[in-house]
N, C-alpha and C. Protein backbone atom coordinates (compact mmCIF):
# COMPACT_ATOMS: atom_id res chain seq x y z
N VAL A 1 1.17 -0.80 -0.17
CA VAL A 1 -0.14 -0.01 -0.36
C VAL A 1 0.61 1.49 -0.13
N THR A 2 0.64 2.35 -0.87
CA THR A 2 1.70 2.81 -1.04
C THR A 2 1.14 4.05 0.00
N GLY A 3 1.95 5.49 0.51
CA GLY A 3 1.49 6.49 1.22
C GLY A 3 1.34 6.15 2.49
N ILE A 4 1.78 4.83 2.31
CA ILE A 4 1.68 4.01 4.28
C ILE A 4 3.09 4.36 5.45
N PRO A 5 3.65 4.97 5.83
CA PRO A 5 5.09 4.76 6.59
C PRO A 5 5.43 3.12 6.82
N VAL A 6 6.69 2.97 6.30
CA VAL A 6 6.75 1.58 6.50
C VAL A 6 7.28 1.05 8.37
N ALA A 7 7.18 2.00 9.00
CA ALA A 7 6.57 1.74 10.52
C ALA A 7 5.34 1.68 10.56
N ALA A 8 4.55 1.78 10.12
CA ALA A 8 3.13 1.74 10.51
C ALA A 8 2.72 1.03 9.61
N LYS A 9 2.98 0.88 8.62
CA LYS A 9 3.07 -1.09 7.87
C LYS A 9 3.40 -2.33 8.84
N PHE A 10 4.83 -1.55 9.73
CA PHE A 10 5.02 -3.38 10.88
C PHE A 10 4.06 -2.98 11.58
N SER A 11 3.52 -1.68 12.16
CA SER A 11 3.30 -1.43 13.58
C SER A 11 1.68 -2.30 13.24
N ALA A 12 1.18 -2.44 12.15
CA ALA A 12 0.00 -2.93 11.58
C ALA A 12 0.25 -3.93 11.80
N ARG A 13 1.03 -4.80 10.75
CA ARG A 13 1.01 -6.22 11.14
C ARG A 13 1.05 -7.12 12.74
N VAL A 14 2.42 -6.00 13.18
CA VAL A 14 2.24 -7.23 14.93
C VAL A 14 1.28 -6.56 15.68
N ASN A 15 0.48 -5.52 15.17
CA ASN A 15 -1.09 -5.74 16.04
C ASN A 15 -1.80 -6.89 15.44
N ALA A 16 -2.23 -6.71 13.99
CA ALA A 16 -3.33 -7.58 13.61
C ALA A 16 -2.26 -8.88 14.32
N ALA A 17 -1.61 -9.54 13.79
CA ALA A 17 -1.00 -10.90 14.88
C ALA A 17 -1.39 -10.60 16.41
N ALA A 18 -0.93 -9.88 17.24
CA ALA A 18 -1.22 -9.72 18.30
C ALA A 18 -2.99 -10.01 19.03
N GLN A 19 -3.58 -8.97 18.24
CA GLN A 19 -4.44 -8.96 18.12
C GLN A 19 -5.41 -10.99 17.81
N LEU A 20 -5.01 -10.91 17.18
CA LEU A 20 -5.39 -12.04 16.04
C LEU A 20 -5.79 -13.77 17.65
N ILE A 21 -4.66 -13.24 18.07
CA ILE A 21 -4.24 -14.14 19.10
C ILE A 21 -4.77 -13.92 19.98
N ALA A 22 -5.12 -12.18 20.88
CA ALA A 22 -6.04 -11.97 22.31
C ALA A 22 -6.96 -11.70 21.79
N CYS A 23 -7.18 -11.84 20.68
CA CYS A 23 -8.93 -11.16 20.33
C CYS A 23 -9.76 -12.68 19.60
N ASP A 24 -8.89 -13.02 19.44
CA ASP A 24 -9.86 -14.43 18.49
C ASP A 24 -9.54 -15.97 19.07
N ILE A 25 -8.23 -16.40 19.29
CA ILE A 25 -8.07 -17.36 20.00
C ILE A 25 -8.59 -17.70 21.24
N HIS A 26 -7.98 -16.55 21.62
CA HIS A 26 -7.56 -16.60 23.95
C HIS A 26 -9.03 -16.87 24.07
N PRO A 27 -10.03 -16.16 23.13
CA PRO A 27 -11.64 -15.90 24.26
C PRO A 27 -12.20 -17.17 23.93
N LEU A 28 -11.76 -17.60 23.13
CA LEU A 28 -12.87 -19.21 22.37
C LEU A 28 -12.21 -19.84 22.88
N ASN A 29 -11.67 -20.16 23.98
CA ASN A 29 -10.52 -21.16 24.68
C ASN A 29 -10.06 -20.45 26.44
N ASN A 30 -10.31 -19.78 26.91
CA ASN A 30 -10.20 -19.21 28.07
C ASN A 30 -11.18 -19.97 29.09
N THR A 31 -10.85 -19.89 30.21
CA THR A 31 -11.64 -20.58 30.86
C THR A 31 -13.27 -21.17 31.30
N GLY A 32 -13.66 -19.57 31.80
CA GLY A 32 -15.16 -19.00 31.26
C GLY A 32 -16.09 -19.56 29.68
N THR A 33 -15.22 -20.09 29.16
CA THR A 33 -15.95 -20.21 27.16
C THR A 33 -16.11 -21.81 27.85
N LEU A 34 -14.83 -22.69 28.31
CA LEU A 34 -15.25 -23.86 28.46
C LEU A 34 -16.11 -24.13 29.07
N ASN A 35 -16.24 -23.67 30.93
CA ASN A 35 -17.19 -23.79 31.45
C ASN A 35 -18.45 -23.60 31.15
N TYR A 36 -18.49 -22.52 30.65
CA TYR A 36 -20.08 -22.74 29.76
C TYR A 36 -20.75 -23.87 28.40
N LEU A 37 -19.35 -23.79 28.42
CA LEU A 37 -19.97 -25.04 26.89
C LEU A 37 -19.87 -26.88 27.74
N ARG A 38 -19.57 -26.82 29.16
CA ARG A 38 -20.04 -27.59 29.99
C ARG A 38 -20.46 -27.54 30.38
N GLN A 39 -21.80 -26.76 31.51
CA GLN A 39 -22.30 -25.92 32.28
C GLN A 39 -24.42 -25.90 31.41
N GLN A 40 -23.73 -24.97 30.04
CA GLN A 40 -24.71 -24.64 29.97
C GLN A 40 -25.47 -25.47 28.82
N PHE A 41 -24.24 -26.22 27.96
CA PHE A 41 -24.56 -26.86 26.78
C PHE A 41 -24.83 -28.41 27.26
N GLY A 42 -24.34 -28.45 28.42
CA GLY A 42 -23.77 -29.51 28.50
C GLY A 42 -22.85 -31.12 27.87
N GLN A 43 -21.85 -30.26 27.04
CA GLN A 43 -20.81 -31.14 26.40
C GLN A 43 -19.77 -31.47 27.22
N SER A 44 -19.61 -32.95 26.69
CA SER A 44 -18.14 -33.51 27.30
C SER A 44 -17.01 -32.65 27.30
N GLU A 45 -16.29 -33.39 28.58
CA GLU A 45 -14.52 -33.47 28.30
C GLU A 45 -14.28 -33.35 26.97
N ASP A 46 -14.53 -34.71 25.72
CA ASP A 46 -14.05 -34.94 24.61
C ASP A 46 -14.51 -33.65 23.98
N ALA A 47 -15.92 -33.55 24.10
CA ALA A 47 -16.51 -32.50 23.18
C ALA A 47 -15.94 -30.65 23.80
N VAL A 48 -15.49 -30.81 24.54
CA VAL A 48 -14.68 -29.37 24.61
C VAL A 48 -13.50 -29.31 24.65
N ALA A 49 -12.57 -30.18 24.49
CA ALA A 49 -11.64 -30.81 23.75
C ALA A 49 -11.31 -30.58 22.36
N GLY A 50 -11.90 -31.19 21.40
CA GLY A 50 -12.55 -30.79 20.20
C GLY A 50 -12.55 -29.38 19.71
N TRP A 51 -13.52 -28.67 20.75
CA TRP A 51 -13.62 -27.43 20.68
C TRP A 51 -12.62 -26.68 20.54
N TYR A 52 -11.99 -26.60 21.36
CA TYR A 52 -10.50 -26.15 21.86
C TYR A 52 -9.19 -26.19 21.21
N ALA A 53 -9.28 -27.61 20.70
CA ALA A 53 -8.14 -28.26 19.13
C ALA A 53 -9.11 -27.02 18.25
N THR A 54 -9.91 -26.84 17.55
CA THR A 54 -10.05 -26.63 16.89
C THR A 54 -10.10 -24.99 16.07
N TRP A 55 -10.16 -24.38 17.40
CA TRP A 55 -9.13 -23.21 17.80
C TRP A 55 -8.40 -22.88 18.20
N ILE A 56 -7.57 -23.67 18.52
CA ILE A 56 -6.34 -23.47 18.50
C ILE A 56 -5.52 -23.78 17.07
N ARG A 57 -6.40 -24.95 16.44
CA ARG A 57 -5.41 -25.25 14.98
C ARG A 57 -5.80 -24.00 13.99
N THR A 58 -7.01 -23.59 13.99
CA THR A 58 -7.58 -22.86 13.18
C THR A 58 -6.79 -21.31 13.26
N GLY A 59 -6.66 -21.26 14.42
CA GLY A 59 -6.52 -19.46 14.78
C GLY A 59 -4.31 -19.54 14.14
N PHE A 60 -3.98 -20.24 15.15
CA PHE A 60 -2.11 -20.75 15.24
C PHE A 60 -2.11 -20.98 13.33
N THR A 61 -3.09 -21.67 12.55
CA THR A 61 -3.02 -21.62 11.44
C THR A 61 -2.77 -20.43 10.19
N ALA A 62 -3.52 -19.66 11.01
CA ALA A 62 -3.66 -18.34 10.54
C ALA A 62 -2.64 -17.21 10.88
N LEU A 63 -2.02 -17.47 11.85
CA LEU A 63 -1.04 -16.95 12.69
C LEU A 63 0.68 -17.58 11.88
N GLU A 64 0.35 -18.48 11.61
CA GLU A 64 1.29 -18.80 11.10
C GLU A 64 1.70 -18.54 9.57
N THR A 65 0.99 -18.25 9.06
CA THR A 65 0.84 -17.24 7.78
C THR A 65 1.97 -15.69 8.02
N MET A 66 0.89 -15.35 9.18
CA MET A 66 1.77 -13.71 8.98
C MET A 66 2.88 -13.82 9.59
N LEU A 67 3.55 -14.29 10.07
CA LEU A 67 4.56 -14.01 10.74
C LEU A 67 5.99 -14.33 9.79
N ARG A 68 7.14 -13.72 10.02
CA ARG A 68 8.34 -13.00 9.64
C ARG A 68 9.52 -13.40 9.92
N PRO A 69 10.08 -13.84 9.14
CA PRO A 69 11.95 -14.41 9.64
C PRO A 69 12.21 -13.89 11.17
N GLY A 70 12.27 -14.27 11.81
CA GLY A 70 12.49 -14.54 13.30
C GLY A 70 13.91 -13.46 13.95
N PRO A 71 14.79 -13.76 14.61
CA PRO A 71 13.84 -15.16 15.52
C PRO A 71 12.61 -14.55 15.97
N TYR A 72 12.21 -13.88 16.55
CA TYR A 72 11.14 -13.54 16.55
C TYR A 72 9.63 -12.94 15.75
N ALA A 73 8.49 -13.58 15.99
CA ALA A 73 7.71 -13.29 15.46
C ALA A 73 7.38 -12.00 14.24
N PHE A 74 8.40 -10.97 14.57
CA PHE A 74 8.22 -9.75 13.54
C PHE A 74 9.55 -9.46 13.39
N GLY A 75 10.63 -10.80 13.23
CA GLY A 75 11.94 -10.13 13.19
C GLY A 75 13.28 -10.18 14.30
N ALA A 76 13.85 -9.02 14.84
CA ALA A 76 15.27 -9.43 15.63
C ALA A 76 14.74 -8.82 17.26
N GLU A 77 13.89 -8.75 17.17
CA GLU A 77 13.68 -7.59 18.57
C GLU A 77 12.00 -8.53 19.02
N PRO A 78 12.58 -8.50 20.16
CA PRO A 78 10.42 -9.23 20.69
C PRO A 78 9.58 -8.20 20.22
N THR A 79 8.10 -8.51 20.08
CA THR A 79 7.22 -7.50 19.78
C THR A 79 5.56 -7.82 20.81
N LEU A 80 4.37 -7.50 20.52
CA LEU A 80 3.22 -7.21 21.31
C LEU A 80 2.78 -8.53 21.13
N ALA A 81 3.63 -9.69 19.44
CA ALA A 81 2.70 -10.31 18.83
C ALA A 81 3.33 -11.76 20.05
N ASP A 82 5.01 -11.35 19.86
CA ASP A 82 5.79 -12.53 21.06
C ASP A 82 5.16 -12.54 22.49
N ILE A 83 4.83 -11.60 23.26
CA ILE A 83 4.23 -11.59 24.85
C ILE A 83 3.08 -12.13 24.49
N CYS A 84 1.94 -11.73 23.34
CA CYS A 84 0.70 -12.81 23.45
C CYS A 84 1.01 -13.95 23.09
N LEU A 85 1.96 -14.25 22.43
CA LEU A 85 1.79 -16.08 21.56
C LEU A 85 2.27 -16.92 23.12
N VAL A 86 3.35 -16.08 23.73
CA VAL A 86 3.73 -17.53 24.10
C VAL A 86 3.30 -17.63 25.79
N PRO A 87 1.78 -17.02 26.51
CA PRO A 87 1.21 -17.77 27.13
C PRO A 87 -0.41 -18.47 26.73
N GLN A 88 -0.46 -17.98 25.35
CA GLN A 88 -1.37 -18.93 23.57
C GLN A 88 -0.83 -20.37 23.35
N ILE A 89 0.83 -20.58 23.62
CA ILE A 89 1.36 -21.86 23.71
C ILE A 89 1.49 -22.82 24.80
N ILE A 90 1.27 -21.85 25.90
CA ILE A 90 1.16 -22.68 27.23
C ILE A 90 0.39 -23.38 27.51
N ASN A 91 -0.71 -22.45 27.26
CA ASN A 91 -2.62 -23.02 27.45
C ASN A 91 -2.33 -24.10 26.15
N ALA A 92 -2.40 -23.71 25.32
CA ALA A 92 -2.60 -24.85 24.64
C ALA A 92 -1.87 -26.41 24.87
N GLN A 93 -0.54 -26.50 25.37
CA GLN A 93 0.20 -27.50 25.65
C GLN A 93 -0.26 -27.78 26.94
N ARG A 94 -1.03 -26.98 27.83
CA ARG A 94 -1.68 -27.81 29.03
C ARG A 94 -2.45 -28.47 28.74
N PHE A 95 -3.56 -28.64 27.51
CA PHE A 95 -4.61 -28.83 26.94
C PHE A 95 -4.55 -29.98 25.92
N ASN A 96 -2.76 -30.15 25.97
CA ASN A 96 -2.51 -30.77 25.16
C ASN A 96 -2.73 -31.13 23.08
N ALA A 97 -3.01 -29.29 23.29
CA ALA A 97 -3.42 -29.78 21.88
C ALA A 97 -1.96 -29.69 20.75
N ARG A 98 -2.41 -30.50 19.81
CA ARG A 98 -1.94 -30.25 19.33
C ARG A 98 -0.98 -29.28 18.54
N LEU A 99 0.44 -28.89 17.82
CA LEU A 99 0.93 -27.58 17.52
C LEU A 99 1.77 -27.90 16.46
N ASP A 100 2.33 -29.59 16.01
CA ASP A 100 2.67 -29.29 15.18
C ASP A 100 2.98 -29.20 13.63
N HIS A 101 1.86 -28.60 13.45
CA HIS A 101 1.03 -28.16 12.25
C HIS A 101 1.44 -26.50 11.91
N VAL A 102 2.36 -26.26 13.14
CA VAL A 102 2.85 -24.71 12.47
C VAL A 102 4.07 -24.14 13.32
N PRO A 103 5.09 -25.09 12.36
CA PRO A 103 6.64 -24.85 13.13
C PRO A 103 7.23 -23.69 13.51
N THR A 104 6.67 -22.13 12.57
CA THR A 104 7.51 -20.95 12.71
C THR A 104 7.04 -20.60 14.07
N VAL A 105 5.28 -20.77 14.78
CA VAL A 105 4.94 -20.13 15.96
C VAL A 105 5.73 -20.90 16.60
N MET A 106 6.46 -22.57 17.09
CA MET A 106 6.42 -23.05 18.02
C MET A 106 8.27 -22.87 17.85
N ARG A 107 8.92 -22.09 17.11
CA ARG A 107 10.27 -21.86 17.18
C ARG A 107 10.16 -20.67 17.39
N ILE A 108 9.51 -19.83 17.59
CA ILE A 108 9.51 -18.45 18.17
C ILE A 108 9.33 -18.29 19.41
N HIS A 109 8.07 -19.12 20.07
CA HIS A 109 8.00 -19.59 21.20
C HIS A 109 9.25 -20.60 21.89
N GLU A 110 9.82 -21.15 20.96
CA GLU A 110 11.04 -21.56 22.03
C GLU A 110 11.66 -20.45 22.39
N HIS A 111 12.18 -19.82 21.80
CA HIS A 111 13.10 -18.79 21.20
C HIS A 111 12.96 -17.81 22.38
N CYS A 112 11.16 -17.59 22.24
CA CYS A 112 11.02 -16.45 23.40
C CYS A 112 11.57 -16.90 24.63
N LEU A 113 10.87 -18.49 24.91
CA LEU A 113 11.63 -18.65 26.40
C LEU A 113 12.99 -19.11 27.12
N THR A 114 13.92 -18.55 26.14
CA THR A 114 15.09 -18.47 26.32
C THR A 114 15.58 -16.82 26.49
N LEU A 115 14.96 -15.96 26.84
CA LEU A 115 15.36 -14.29 26.78
C LEU A 115 14.96 -14.21 28.34
N PRO A 116 15.80 -13.90 29.61
CA PRO A 116 15.28 -14.54 31.04
C PRO A 116 13.79 -13.77 31.02
N ALA A 117 13.32 -12.05 30.47
CA ALA A 117 12.31 -11.65 31.11
C ALA A 117 10.97 -12.77 30.77
N PHE A 118 11.32 -13.85 30.06
CA PHE A 118 10.19 -14.43 29.42
C PHE A 118 10.12 -15.51 30.50
N ALA A 119 11.26 -15.88 30.54
CA ALA A 119 11.91 -16.80 31.24
C ALA A 119 10.92 -16.77 33.08
N PHE A 120 10.91 -15.49 33.56
CA PHE A 120 10.98 -15.60 34.63
C PHE A 120 9.18 -15.50 35.15
N PHE A 121 8.39 -15.82 33.88
CA PHE A 121 6.77 -15.29 33.57
C PHE A 121 6.33 -16.51 33.77
N VAL A 122 6.96 -17.80 32.77
CA VAL A 122 7.27 -18.65 32.81
C VAL A 122 6.59 -19.31 33.81
N SER A 123 8.21 -19.86 34.81
CA SER A 123 8.03 -20.57 34.71
C SER A 123 7.65 -20.65 36.25
N PRO A 124 7.15 -19.44 36.87
CA PRO A 124 6.14 -20.21 37.96
C PRO A 124 4.54 -20.22 37.45
N LEU A 125 4.46 -19.78 35.91
CA LEU A 125 3.09 -20.23 35.74
C LEU A 125 3.02 -22.05 35.16
N MET A 126 3.96 -22.47 34.58
CA MET A 126 4.46 -23.43 34.40
C MET A 126 4.23 -24.11 35.92
N ALA A 127 5.33 -24.24 37.07
CA ALA A 127 4.98 -24.41 38.27
C ALA A 127 3.45 -24.56 38.69
N HIS A 128 3.06 -23.37 38.69
CA HIS A 128 1.52 -23.52 38.95
C HIS A 128 0.18 -24.38 38.53
N PHE A 129 0.68 -24.61 36.92
CA PHE A 129 -0.43 -25.35 36.34
C PHE A 129 0.41 -27.31 36.93
N SER A 130 1.40 -27.06 37.01
CA SER A 130 2.05 -28.58 37.82
C SER A 130 1.44 -28.84 38.38
N ARG A 131 1.47 -27.69 39.85
CA ARG A 131 0.99 -27.87 41.60
C ARG A 131 -0.53 -28.22 41.49
N ARG A 132 -1.66 -27.45 40.02
CA ARG A 132 -3.02 -27.89 39.96
C ARG A 132 -3.11 -29.37 40.16
N HIS A 133 -2.24 -29.75 38.97
CA HIS A 133 -2.22 -30.85 38.65
C HIS A 133 -1.91 -32.20 39.29
N GLU A 134 -0.99 -31.42 40.31
CA GLU A 134 -0.76 -32.62 41.75
C GLU A 134 -2.15 -32.58 42.21
N PHE A 135 -2.31 -31.48 42.99
CA PHE A 135 -3.63 -31.49 44.04
C PHE A 135 -4.92 -32.23 43.11
N GLU A 136 -4.74 -32.32 42.51
CA GLU A 136 -6.78 -32.62 41.29
C GLU A 136 -5.82 -34.00 41.66
N ALA A 137 -4.57 -34.31 41.30
CA ALA A 137 -4.40 -36.04 41.65
C ALA A 137 -4.37 -36.51 42.92
N ASP A 138 -3.89 -36.02 44.42
CA ASP A 138 -4.05 -36.05 44.91
C ASP A 138 -5.69 -36.29 45.63
N ALA A 139 -6.37 -34.78 45.21
CA ALA A 139 -7.85 -35.37 45.72
C ALA A 139 -8.84 -36.53 45.25
N TYR A 140 -8.29 -36.97 43.75
CA TYR A 140 -8.76 -38.25 43.00
C TYR A 140 -8.40 -39.60 44.26
N ALA A 141 -7.02 -38.97 44.07
CA ALA A 141 -6.26 -40.18 45.35
C ALA A 141 -7.42 -40.52 46.55
N CYS A 142 -7.29 -39.29 47.77
CA CYS A 142 -7.79 -39.46 48.43
C CYS A 142 -9.16 -40.10 47.97
N ALA A 143 -10.04 -39.24 47.69
CA ALA A 143 -11.41 -39.60 46.98
C ALA A 143 -11.63 -41.12 47.04
N ARG A 144 -10.92 -41.99 46.50
CA ARG A 144 -11.04 -42.73 46.15
C ARG A 144 -10.38 -44.24 47.46
N SER A 145 -9.52 -43.75 48.57
CA SER A 145 -9.04 -44.57 49.02
C SER A 145 -8.76 -43.47 50.33
N SER A 146 -7.85 -43.83 50.93
CA SER A 146 -7.57 -43.09 52.22
C SER A 146 -6.05 -42.17 52.07
N GLY A 147 -6.71 -40.82 52.16
CA GLY A 147 -5.34 -39.95 52.56
C GLY A 147 -4.53 -40.49 52.90
N GLN A 148 -4.49 -41.07 54.04
CA GLN A 148 -2.80 -41.47 54.91
C GLN A 148 -2.36 -42.04 54.34
N ASP A 149 -3.07 -42.78 53.52
CA ASP A 149 -2.59 -44.11 52.40
C ASP A 149 -1.52 -43.41 51.73
N LEU A 150 -2.65 -41.99 50.76
CA LEU A 150 -1.44 -41.38 50.23
C LEU A 150 0.09 -40.85 50.65
N ALA A 151 0.05 -40.02 51.67
CA ALA A 151 0.96 -40.03 52.13
C ALA A 151 1.97 -40.32 52.75
N ASN A 152 1.59 -41.71 53.46
CA ASN A 152 2.25 -42.60 53.92
C ASN A 152 3.40 -43.08 52.51
N ALA A 153 2.63 -43.20 50.89
CA ALA A 153 3.60 -43.88 49.91
C ALA A 153 3.82 -42.40 49.80
N LEU A 154 3.30 -41.70 49.31
CA LEU A 154 4.81 -40.34 49.34
C LEU A 154 5.79 -39.87 50.03
N LEU A 155 5.70 -40.53 51.36
CA LEU A 155 6.91 -40.47 52.32
C LEU A 155 7.95 -40.97 51.97
N LYS A 156 7.18 -42.90 51.55
CA LYS A 156 8.16 -43.95 51.52
C LYS A 156 8.92 -43.38 50.39
N LEU A 157 8.14 -42.87 49.23
CA LEU A 157 9.23 -42.86 47.40
C LEU A 157 10.25 -41.23 48.05
N HIS A 158 9.82 -40.27 49.18
CA HIS A 158 10.87 -40.00 49.39
C HIS A 158 12.00 -40.39 50.13
N GLU A 159 12.02 -41.34 50.90
CA GLU A 159 13.01 -42.17 51.54
C GLU A 159 13.57 -42.90 51.06
N ASP A 160 12.83 -43.79 49.46
CA ASP A 160 13.93 -44.83 48.68
C ASP A 160 14.23 -43.62 47.72
N ASN A 161 14.20 -42.62 47.58
CA ASN A 161 14.98 -41.68 46.84
C ASN A 161 15.41 -40.57 46.82
N ALA A 162 15.69 -40.41 48.26
CA ALA A 162 16.25 -38.93 48.87
C ALA A 162 15.47 -38.07 47.78
N SER A 163 14.13 -37.82 48.00
CA SER A 163 14.10 -37.03 46.63
C SER A 163 13.28 -35.32 47.41
N THR A 164 13.37 -34.99 47.39
CA THR A 164 13.07 -33.45 47.86
C THR A 164 11.27 -33.01 48.05
N LEU A 165 10.83 -34.39 48.16
CA LEU A 165 9.26 -34.10 47.19
C LEU A 165 8.83 -33.91 49.13
N THR A 166 7.49 -33.38 49.43
CA THR A 166 7.05 -32.80 50.43
C THR A 166 5.42 -33.25 50.68
N PRO A 167 5.11 -33.92 50.99
CA PRO A 167 3.69 -34.05 51.20
C PRO A 167 3.51 -32.73 51.62
N ASP A 168 1.76 -32.92 50.55
CA ASP A 168 1.30 -31.14 50.92
C ASP A 168 0.04 -32.01 52.11
């Protein structure tokens, strides 16, 4: 397009990619939307997972075509698009969504994680998700057997493996 400065074109591309992630992919896959599908429409976990996978696949396929040679989404420096991308990929991984169809998206994500600023925010997020799954597993085990049996088994694992495991 003539008459538009290069910087304005660049900014428009970055904003379009960031908005694709933040406005098209994320809202369809956030917890409130997924819970609404379950509660209001009685959808099964398989149906909800199918919904999630559809919008991840569709959104990231579109995003893949928008990105420029990196190492970041639009060149040598991180942009708003990279900032939006990283947590959405982490969320997709949390839901075990297939991401092999978007190699550029994944390459950019992996490169972003090498930056201390991204790692600083991502590490606690990943620990939170990991711990949440541990608590879910503990609650499931306690509901089906004795909570004391679970605690004893965790203590035995700790003693046998000299690990740093601390039973909750």
